[in-house]
Amino acid sequence: KNTVYLQMDSLKPEDTSVYYCSAVSGPYRYWGQGTQVT
């Protein structure tokens, strides 16, 4: 499915951030728009 999952357990306040998916194809790196985790 070309899908990646990030299971985030035991969350801490310092994990608060915008999380971006990134994928590499050949010499190129692509970025998602980001999702907020608070």
ModelCIF file with pLDDT and N, C-alpha, C, O atoms, coordinates in Angstrom:
data_MODEL
#
_entry.id   MODEL 
#
_entity.id                         1 
_entity.type                       polymer 
_entity.pdbx_number_of_molecules   1 
#
_entity_poly.entity_id                      1 
_entity_poly.type                           'polypeptide(L)' 
_entity_poly.nstd_linkage                   no 
_entity_poly.nstd_monomer                   no 
_entity_poly.pdbx_seq_one_letter_code       KNTVYLQMDSLKPEDTSVYYCSAVSGPYRYWGQGTQVT 
_entity_poly.pdbx_seq_one_letter_code_can   KNTVYLQMDSLKPEDTSVYYCSAVSGPYRYWGQGTQVT 
_entity_poly.pdbx_strand_id                 A 
#
loop_
_entity_poly_seq.entity_id 
_entity_poly_seq.num 
_entity_poly_seq.mon_id 
_entity_poly_seq.hetero 
1 1  LYS n 
1 2  ASN n 
1 3  THR n 
1 4  VAL n 
1 5  TYR n 
1 6  LEU n 
1 7  GLN n 
1 8  MET n 
1 9  ASP n 
1 10 SER n 
1 11 LEU n 
1 12 LYS n 
1 13 PRO n 
1 14 GLU n 
1 15 ASP n 
1 16 THR n 
1 17 SER n 
1 18 VAL n 
1 19 TYR n 
1 20 TYR n 
1 21 CYS n 
1 22 SER n 
1 23 ALA n 
1 24 VAL n 
1 25 SER n 
1 26 GLY n 
1 27 PRO n 
1 28 TYR n 
1 29 ARG n 
1 30 TYR n 
1 31 TRP n 
1 32 GLY n 
1 33 GLN n 
1 34 GLY n 
1 35 THR n 
1 36 GLN n 
1 37 VAL n 
1 38 THR n 
#
_struct_asym.id          A 
_struct_asym.entity_id   1 
#
loop_
_ma_qa_metric.id 
_ma_qa_metric.mode 
_ma_qa_metric.name 
_ma_qa_metric.software_group_id 
_ma_qa_metric.type 
1 global pLDDT . pLDDT 
2 local  pLDDT . pLDDT 
#
_ma_qa_metric_global.metric_id      1 
_ma_qa_metric_global.metric_value   96.32 
_ma_qa_metric_global.model_id       1 
_ma_qa_metric_global.ordinal_id     1 
#
loop_
_ma_qa_metric_local.label_asym_id 
_ma_qa_metric_local.label_comp_id 
_ma_qa_metric_local.label_seq_id 
_ma_qa_metric_local.metric_id 
_ma_qa_metric_local.metric_value 
_ma_qa_metric_local.model_id 
_ma_qa_metric_local.ordinal_id 
A LYS 1  2 90.00 1 1  
A ASN 2  2 89.00 1 2  
A THR 3  2 94.00 1 3  
A VAL 4  2 97.00 1 4  
A TYR 5  2 97.00 1 5  
A LEU 6  2 98.00 1 6  
A GLN 7  2 98.00 1 7  
A MET 8  2 98.00 1 8  
A ASP 9  2 98.00 1 9  
A SER 10 2 98.00 1 10 
A LEU 11 2 98.00 1 11 
A LYS 12 2 97.00 1 12 
A PRO 13 2 95.00 1 13 
A GLU 14 2 94.00 1 14 
A ASP 15 2 96.00 1 15 
A THR 16 2 94.00 1 16 
A SER 17 2 95.00 1 17 
A VAL 18 2 96.00 1 18 
A TYR 19 2 97.00 1 19 
A TYR 20 2 98.00 1 20 
A CYS 21 2 98.00 1 21 
A SER 22 2 98.00 1 22 
A ALA 23 2 97.00 1 23 
A VAL 24 2 97.00 1 24 
A SER 25 2 96.00 1 25 
A GLY 26 2 96.00 1 26 
A PRO 27 2 97.00 1 27 
A TYR 28 2 97.00 1 28 
A ARG 29 2 97.00 1 29 
A TYR 30 2 98.00 1 30 
A TRP 31 2 97.00 1 31 
A GLY 32 2 97.00 1 32 
A GLN 33 2 96.00 1 33 
A GLY 34 2 96.00 1 34 
A THR 35 2 96.00 1 35 
A GLN 36 2 96.00 1 36 
A VAL 37 2 97.00 1 37 
A THR 38 2 97.00 1 38 
#
loop_
_atom_site.group_PDB 
_atom_site.id 
_atom_site.type_symbol 
_atom_site.label_atom_id 
_atom_site.label_alt_id 
_atom_site.label_comp_id 
_atom_site.label_asym_id 
_atom_site.label_entity_id 
_atom_site.label_seq_id 
_atom_site.pdbx_PDB_ins_code 
_atom_site.Cartn_x 
_atom_site.Cartn_y 
_atom_site.Cartn_z 
_atom_site.occupancy 
_atom_site.B_iso_or_equiv 
_atom_site.pdbx_formal_charge 
_atom_site.auth_seq_id 
_atom_site.auth_comp_id 
_atom_site.auth_asym_id 
_atom_site.auth_atom_id 
_atom_site.pdbx_PDB_model_num 
ATOM 1   N N  . LYS A 1 1  ? 0.816  -1.216 0.000  1.00 90.00 ? 1  LYS A N  1 
ATOM 2   C CA . LYS A 1 1  ? 0.000  0.000  0.000  1.00 90.00 ? 1  LYS A CA 1 
ATOM 3   C C  . LYS A 1 1  ? 0.850  1.267  0.000  1.00 90.00 ? 1  LYS A C  1 
ATOM 4   O O  . LYS A 1 1  ? 0.320  2.378  -0.042 1.00 90.00 ? 1  LYS A O  1 
ATOM 5   N N  . ASN A 1 2  ? 2.172  1.095  0.048  1.00 89.00 ? 2  ASN A N  1 
ATOM 6   C CA . ASN A 1 2  ? 3.059  2.259  0.149  1.00 89.00 ? 2  ASN A CA 1 
ATOM 7   C C  . ASN A 1 2  ? 2.620  3.171  1.296  1.00 89.00 ? 2  ASN A C  1 
ATOM 8   O O  . ASN A 1 2  ? 2.596  4.395  1.169  1.00 89.00 ? 2  ASN A O  1 
ATOM 9   N N  . THR A 1 3  ? 2.282  2.550  2.395  1.00 94.00 ? 3  THR A N  1 
ATOM 10  C CA . THR A 1 3  ? 1.781  3.290  3.546  1.00 94.00 ? 3  THR A CA 1 
ATOM 11  C C  . THR A 1 3  ? 2.656  2.990  4.756  1.00 94.00 ? 3  THR A C  1 
ATOM 12  O O  . THR A 1 3  ? 3.047  1.849  5.001  1.00 94.00 ? 3  THR A O  1 
ATOM 13  N N  . VAL A 1 4  ? 2.948  4.044  5.500  1.00 97.00 ? 4  VAL A N  1 
ATOM 14  C CA . VAL A 1 4  ? 3.754  3.927  6.712  1.00 97.00 ? 4  VAL A CA 1 
ATOM 15  C C  . VAL A 1 4  ? 2.919  4.369  7.905  1.00 97.00 ? 4  VAL A C  1 
ATOM 16  O O  . VAL A 1 4  ? 2.166  5.340  7.836  1.00 97.00 ? 4  VAL A O  1 
ATOM 17  N N  . TYR A 1 5  ? 3.071  3.642  8.986  1.00 97.00 ? 5  TYR A N  1 
ATOM 18  C CA . TYR A 1 5  ? 2.332  3.930  10.216 1.00 97.00 ? 5  TYR A CA 1 
ATOM 19  C C  . TYR A 1 5  ? 3.318  4.259  11.332 1.00 97.00 ? 5  TYR A C  1 
ATOM 20  O O  . TYR A 1 5  ? 4.350  3.604  11.477 1.00 97.00 ? 5  TYR A O  1 
ATOM 21  N N  . LEU A 1 6  ? 2.994  5.262  12.101 1.00 98.00 ? 6  LEU A N  1 
ATOM 22  C CA . LEU A 1 6  ? 3.798  5.611  13.273 1.00 98.00 ? 6  LEU A CA 1 
ATOM 23  C C  . LEU A 1 6  ? 2.906  5.475  14.503 1.00 98.00 ? 6  LEU A C  1 
ATOM 24  O O  . LEU A 1 6  ? 2.030  6.306  14.743 1.00 98.00 ? 6  LEU A O  1 
ATOM 25  N N  . GLN A 1 7  ? 3.138  4.428  15.271 1.00 98.00 ? 7  GLN A N  1 
ATOM 26  C CA . GLN A 1 7  ? 2.413  4.229  16.517 1.00 98.00 ? 7  GLN A CA 1 
ATOM 27  C C  . GLN A 1 7  ? 3.146  4.968  17.620 1.00 98.00 ? 7  GLN A C  1 
ATOM 28  O O  . GLN A 1 7  ? 4.307  4.682  17.915 1.00 98.00 ? 7  GLN A O  1 
ATOM 29  N N  . MET A 1 8  ? 2.462  5.914  18.218 1.00 98.00 ? 8  MET A N  1 
ATOM 30  C CA . MET A 1 8  ? 3.067  6.778  19.224 1.00 98.00 ? 8  MET A CA 1 
ATOM 31  C C  . MET A 1 8  ? 2.437  6.465  20.573 1.00 98.00 ? 8  MET A C  1 
ATOM 32  O O  . MET A 1 8  ? 1.273  6.792  20.803 1.00 98.00 ? 8  MET A O  1 
ATOM 33  N N  . ASP A 1 9  ? 3.186  5.840  21.458 1.00 98.00 ? 9  ASP A N  1 
ATOM 34  C CA . ASP A 1 9  ? 2.704  5.465  22.788 1.00 98.00 ? 9  ASP A CA 1 
ATOM 35  C C  . ASP A 1 9  ? 3.440  6.264  23.858 1.00 98.00 ? 9  ASP A C  1 
ATOM 36  O O  . ASP A 1 9  ? 4.476  6.877  23.601 1.00 98.00 ? 9  ASP A O  1 
ATOM 37  N N  . SER A 1 10 ? 2.886  6.241  25.042 1.00 98.00 ? 10 SER A N  1 
ATOM 38  C CA . SER A 1 10 ? 3.496  6.929  26.194 1.00 98.00 ? 10 SER A CA 1 
ATOM 39  C C  . SER A 1 10 ? 3.877  8.360  25.832 1.00 98.00 ? 10 SER A C  1 
ATOM 40  O O  . SER A 1 10 ? 4.998  8.804  26.080 1.00 98.00 ? 10 SER A O  1 
ATOM 41  N N  . LEU A 1 11 ? 2.934  9.061  25.248 1.00 98.00 ? 11 LEU A N  1 
ATOM 42  C CA . LEU A 1 11 ? 3.206  10.413 24.764 1.00 98.00 ? 11 LEU A CA 1 
ATOM 43  C C  . LEU A 1 11 ? 3.586  11.349 25.902 1.00 98.00 ? 11 LEU A C  1 
ATOM 44  O O  . LEU A 1 11 ? 3.077  11.254 27.019 1.00 98.00 ? 11 LEU A O  1 
ATOM 45  N N  . LYS A 1 12 ? 4.503  12.260 25.574 1.00 97.00 ? 12 LYS A N  1 
ATOM 46  C CA . LYS A 1 12 ? 4.984  13.257 26.520 1.00 97.00 ? 12 LYS A CA 1 
ATOM 47  C C  . LYS A 1 12 ? 4.699  14.645 25.972 1.00 97.00 ? 12 LYS A C  1 
ATOM 48  O O  . LYS A 1 12 ? 4.528  14.809 24.764 1.00 97.00 ? 12 LYS A O  1 
ATOM 49  N N  . PRO A 1 13 ? 4.645  15.645 26.842 1.00 95.00 ? 13 PRO A N  1 
ATOM 50  C CA . PRO A 1 13 ? 4.416  17.025 26.348 1.00 95.00 ? 13 PRO A CA 1 
ATOM 51  C C  . PRO A 1 13 ? 5.449  17.454 25.303 1.00 95.00 ? 13 PRO A C  1 
ATOM 52  O O  . PRO A 1 13 ? 5.122  18.204 24.384 1.00 95.00 ? 13 PRO A O  1 
ATOM 53  N N  . GLU A 1 14 ? 6.671  16.992 25.436 1.00 94.00 ? 14 GLU A N  1 
ATOM 54  C CA . GLU A 1 14 ? 7.709  17.381 24.478 1.00 94.00 ? 14 GLU A CA 1 
ATOM 55  C C  . GLU A 1 14 ? 7.535  16.727 23.112 1.00 94.00 ? 14 GLU A C  1 
ATOM 56  O O  . GLU A 1 14 ? 8.265  17.056 22.177 1.00 94.00 ? 14 GLU A O  1 
ATOM 57  N N  . ASP A 1 15 ? 6.586  15.810 22.980 1.00 96.00 ? 15 ASP A N  1 
ATOM 58  C CA . ASP A 1 15 ? 6.271  15.249 21.663 1.00 96.00 ? 15 ASP A CA 1 
ATOM 59  C C  . ASP A 1 15 ? 5.385  16.191 20.851 1.00 96.00 ? 15 ASP A C  1 
ATOM 60  O O  . ASP A 1 15 ? 5.170  15.981 19.657 1.00 96.00 ? 15 ASP A O  1 
ATOM 61  N N  . THR A 1 16 ? 4.879  17.223 21.507 1.00 94.00 ? 16 THR A N  1 
ATOM 62  C CA . THR A 1 16 ? 4.045  18.200 20.808 1.00 94.00 ? 16 THR A CA 1 
ATOM 63  C C  . THR A 1 16 ? 4.829  18.842 19.674 1.00 94.00 ? 16 THR A C  1 
ATOM 64  O O  . THR A 1 16 ? 5.912  19.389 19.880 1.00 94.00 ? 16 THR A O  1 
ATOM 65  N N  . SER A 1 17 ? 4.271  18.767 18.481 1.00 95.00 ? 17 SER A N  1 
ATOM 66  C CA . SER A 1 17 ? 4.977  19.264 17.310 1.00 95.00 ? 17 SER A CA 1 
ATOM 67  C C  . SER A 1 17 ? 4.100  19.086 16.084 1.00 95.00 ? 17 SER A C  1 
ATOM 68  O O  . SER A 1 17 ? 3.041  18.462 16.147 1.00 95.00 ? 17 SER A O  1 
ATOM 69  N N  . VAL A 1 18 ? 4.551  19.640 14.974 1.00 96.00 ? 18 VAL A N  1 
ATOM 70  C CA . VAL A 1 18 ? 3.974  19.292 13.680 1.00 96.00 ? 18 VAL A CA 1 
ATOM 71  C C  . VAL A 1 18 ? 4.786  18.133 13.121 1.00 96.00 ? 18 VAL A C  1 
ATOM 72  O O  . VAL A 1 18 ? 6.015  18.186 13.069 1.00 96.00 ? 18 VAL A O  1 
ATOM 73  N N  . TYR A 1 19 ? 4.089  17.095 12.707 1.00 97.00 ? 19 TYR A N  1 
ATOM 74  C CA . TYR A 1 19 ? 4.741  15.901 12.173 1.00 97.00 ? 19 TYR A CA 1 
ATOM 75  C C  . TYR A 1 19 ? 4.535  15.863 10.659 1.00 97.00 ? 19 TYR A C  1 
ATOM 76  O O  . TYR A 1 19 ? 3.419  16.007 10.161 1.00 97.00 ? 19 TYR A O  1 
ATOM 77  N N  . TYR A 1 20 ? 5.645  15.666 9.945  1.00 98.00 ? 20 TYR A N  1 
ATOM 78  C CA . TYR A 1 20 ? 5.620  15.659 8.488  1.00 98.00 ? 20 TYR A CA 1 
ATOM 79  C C  . TYR A 1 20 ? 6.015  14.277 7.973  1.00 98.00 ? 20 TYR A C  1 
ATOM 80  O O  . TYR A 1 20 ? 7.003  13.690 8.414  1.00 98.00 ? 20 TYR A O  1 
ATOM 81  N N  . CYS A 1 21 ? 5.235  13.783 7.049  1.00 98.00 ? 21 CYS A N  1 
ATOM 82  C CA . CYS A 1 21 ? 5.631  12.577 6.337  1.00 98.00 ? 21 CYS A CA 1 
ATOM 83  C C  . CYS A 1 21 ? 6.625  12.960 5.246  1.00 98.00 ? 21 CYS A C  1 
ATOM 84  O O  . CYS A 1 21 ? 6.486  13.999 4.600  1.00 98.00 ? 21 CYS A O  1 
ATOM 85  N N  . SER A 1 22 ? 7.610  12.122 5.053  1.00 98.00 ? 22 SER A N  1 
ATOM 86  C CA . SER A 1 22 ? 8.609  12.369 4.022  1.00 98.00 ? 22 SER A CA 1 
ATOM 87  C C  . SER A 1 22 ? 8.914  11.070 3.303  1.00 98.00 ? 22 SER A C  1 
ATOM 88  O O  . SER A 1 22 ? 9.014  10.011 3.923  1.00 98.00 ? 22 SER A O  1 
ATOM 89  N N  . ALA A 1 23 ? 9.062  11.161 1.979  1.00 97.00 ? 23 ALA A N  1 
ATOM 90  C CA . ALA A 1 23 ? 9.321  9.966  1.176  1.00 97.00 ? 23 ALA A CA 1 
ATOM 91  C C  . ALA A 1 23 ? 10.425 10.255 0.170  1.00 97.00 ? 23 ALA A C  1 
ATOM 92  O O  . ALA A 1 23 ? 10.502 11.341 -0.404 1.00 97.00 ? 23 ALA A O  1 
ATOM 93  N N  . VAL A 1 24 ? 11.269 9.262  -0.027 1.00 97.00 ? 24 VAL A N  1 
ATOM 94  C CA . VAL A 1 24 ? 12.406 9.399  -0.935 1.00 97.00 ? 24 VAL A CA 1 
ATOM 95  C C  . VAL A 1 24 ? 12.197 8.506  -2.145 1.00 97.00 ? 24 VAL A C  1 
ATOM 96  O O  . VAL A 1 24 ? 11.880 7.322  -2.031 1.00 97.00 ? 24 VAL A O  1 
ATOM 97  N N  . SER A 1 25 ? 12.388 9.127  -3.328 1.00 96.00 ? 25 SER A N  1 
ATOM 98  C CA . SER A 1 25 ? 12.362 8.385  -4.582 1.00 96.00 ? 25 SER A CA 1 
ATOM 99  C C  . SER A 1 25 ? 13.549 8.838  -5.413 1.00 96.00 ? 25 SER A C  1 
ATOM 100 O O  . SER A 1 25 ? 13.587 9.975  -5.884 1.00 96.00 ? 25 SER A O  1 
ATOM 101 N N  . GLY A 1 26 ? 14.522 7.947  -5.595 1.00 96.00 ? 26 GLY A N  1 
ATOM 102 C CA . GLY A 1 26 ? 15.733 8.351  -6.300 1.00 96.00 ? 26 GLY A CA 1 
ATOM 103 C C  . GLY A 1 26 ? 16.424 9.472  -5.555 1.00 96.00 ? 26 GLY A C  1 
ATOM 104 O O  . GLY A 1 26 ? 16.644 9.376  -4.348 1.00 96.00 ? 26 GLY A O  1 
ATOM 105 N N  . PRO A 1 27 ? 16.773 10.551 -6.275 1.00 97.00 ? 27 PRO A N  1 
ATOM 106 C CA . PRO A 1 27 ? 17.467 11.667 -5.615 1.00 97.00 ? 27 PRO A CA 1 
ATOM 107 C C  . PRO A 1 27 ? 16.536 12.681 -4.967 1.00 97.00 ? 27 PRO A C  1 
ATOM 108 O O  . PRO A 1 27 ? 16.984 13.698 -4.438 1.00 97.00 ? 27 PRO A O  1 
ATOM 109 N N  . TYR A 1 28 ? 15.242 12.400 -5.012 1.00 97.00 ? 28 TYR A N  1 
ATOM 110 C CA . TYR A 1 28 ? 14.272 13.398 -4.562 1.00 97.00 ? 28 TYR A CA 1 
ATOM 111 C C  . TYR A 1 28 ? 13.628 13.011 -3.227 1.00 97.00 ? 28 TYR A C  1 
ATOM 112 O O  . TYR A 1 28 ? 13.341 11.842 -2.971 1.00 97.00 ? 28 TYR A O  1 
ATOM 113 N N  . ARG A 1 29 ? 13.413 14.015 -2.397 1.00 97.00 ? 29 ARG A N  1 
ATOM 114 C CA . ARG A 1 29 ? 12.678 13.844 -1.147 1.00 97.00 ? 29 ARG A CA 1 
ATOM 115 C C  . ARG A 1 29 ? 11.419 14.685 -1.228 1.00 97.00 ? 29 ARG A C  1 
ATOM 116 O O  . ARG A 1 29 ? 11.456 15.857 -1.602 1.00 97.00 ? 29 ARG A O  1 
ATOM 117 N N  . TYR A 1 30 ? 10.323 14.073 -0.877 1.00 98.00 ? 30 TYR A N  1 
ATOM 118 C CA . TYR A 1 30 ? 9.028  14.737 -0.906 1.00 98.00 ? 30 TYR A CA 1 
ATOM 119 C C  . TYR A 1 30 ? 8.494  14.872 0.504  1.00 98.00 ? 30 TYR A C  1 
ATOM 120 O O  . TYR A 1 30 ? 8.799  14.072 1.389  1.00 98.00 ? 30 TYR A O  1 
ATOM 121 N N  . TRP A 1 31 ? 7.673  15.923 0.694  1.00 97.00 ? 31 TRP A N  1 
ATOM 122 C CA . TRP A 1 31 ? 7.118  16.209 2.022  1.00 97.00 ? 31 TRP A CA 1 
ATOM 123 C C  . TRP A 1 31 ? 5.607  16.303 1.968  1.00 97.00 ? 31 TRP A C  1 
ATOM 124 O O  . TRP A 1 31 ? 5.024  16.799 1.004  1.00 97.00 ? 31 TRP A O  1 
ATOM 125 N N  . GLY A 1 32 ? 4.989  15.813 3.032  1.00 97.00 ? 32 GLY A N  1 
ATOM 126 C CA . GLY A 1 32 ? 3.575  16.046 3.223  1.00 97.00 ? 32 GLY A CA 1 
ATOM 127 C C  . GLY A 1 32 ? 3.346  17.418 3.827  1.00 97.00 ? 32 GLY A C  1 
ATOM 128 O O  . GLY A 1 32 ? 4.292  18.153 4.110  1.00 97.00 ? 32 GLY A O  1 
ATOM 129 N N  . GLN A 1 33 ? 2.078  17.755 4.022  1.00 96.00 ? 33 GLN A N  1 
ATOM 130 C CA . GLN A 1 33 ? 1.739  19.089 4.519  1.00 96.00 ? 33 GLN A CA 1 
ATOM 131 C C  . GLN A 1 33 ? 1.872  19.206 6.028  1.00 96.00 ? 33 GLN A C  1 
ATOM 132 O O  . GLN A 1 33 ? 1.900  20.312 6.568  1.00 96.00 ? 33 GLN A O  1 
ATOM 133 N N  . GLY A 1 34 ? 1.953  18.080 6.704  1.00 96.00 ? 34 GLY A N  1 
ATOM 134 C CA . GLY A 1 34 ? 2.129  18.117 8.156  1.00 96.00 ? 34 GLY A CA 1 
ATOM 135 C C  . GLY A 1 34 ? 0.828  17.918 8.904  1.00 96.00 ? 34 GLY A C  1 
ATOM 136 O O  . GLY A 1 34 ? -0.246 18.312 8.448  1.00 96.00 ? 34 GLY A O  1 
ATOM 137 N N  . THR A 1 35 ? 0.953  17.301 10.056 1.00 96.00 ? 35 THR A N  1 
ATOM 138 C CA . THR A 1 35 ? -0.210 17.115 10.926 1.00 96.00 ? 35 THR A CA 1 
ATOM 139 C C  . THR A 1 35 ? 0.199  17.454 12.360 1.00 96.00 ? 35 THR A C  1 
ATOM 140 O O  . THR A 1 35 ? 1.264  17.048 12.825 1.00 96.00 ? 35 THR A O  1 
ATOM 141 N N  . GLN A 1 36 ? -0.647 18.190 13.040 1.00 96.00 ? 36 GLN A N  1 
ATOM 142 C CA . GLN A 1 36 ? -0.315 18.652 14.391 1.00 96.00 ? 36 GLN A CA 1 
ATOM 143 C C  . GLN A 1 36 ? -0.581 17.557 15.411 1.00 96.00 ? 36 GLN A C  1 
ATOM 144 O O  . GLN A 1 36 ? -1.638 16.927 15.410 1.00 96.00 ? 36 GLN A O  1 
ATOM 145 N N  . VAL A 1 37 ? 0.391  17.346 16.272 1.00 97.00 ? 37 VAL A N  1 
ATOM 146 C CA . VAL A 1 37 ? 0.227  16.469 17.431 1.00 97.00 ? 37 VAL A CA 1 
ATOM 147 C C  . VAL A 1 37 ? 0.449  17.322 18.671 1.00 97.00 ? 37 VAL A C  1 
ATOM 148 O O  . VAL A 1 37 ? 1.492  17.956 18.828 1.00 97.00 ? 37 VAL A O  1 
ATOM 149 N N  . THR A 1 38 ? -0.547 17.326 19.546 1.00 97.00 ? 38 THR A N  1 
ATOM 150 C CA . THR A 1 38 ? -0.464 18.095 20.773 1.00 97.00 ? 38 THR A CA 1 
ATOM 151 C C  . THR A 1 38 ? -0.693 17.176 21.957 1.00 97.00 ? 38 THR A C  1 
ATOM 152 O O  . THR A 1 38 ? -0.665 17.626 23.103 1.00 97.00 ? 38 THR A O  1 
#
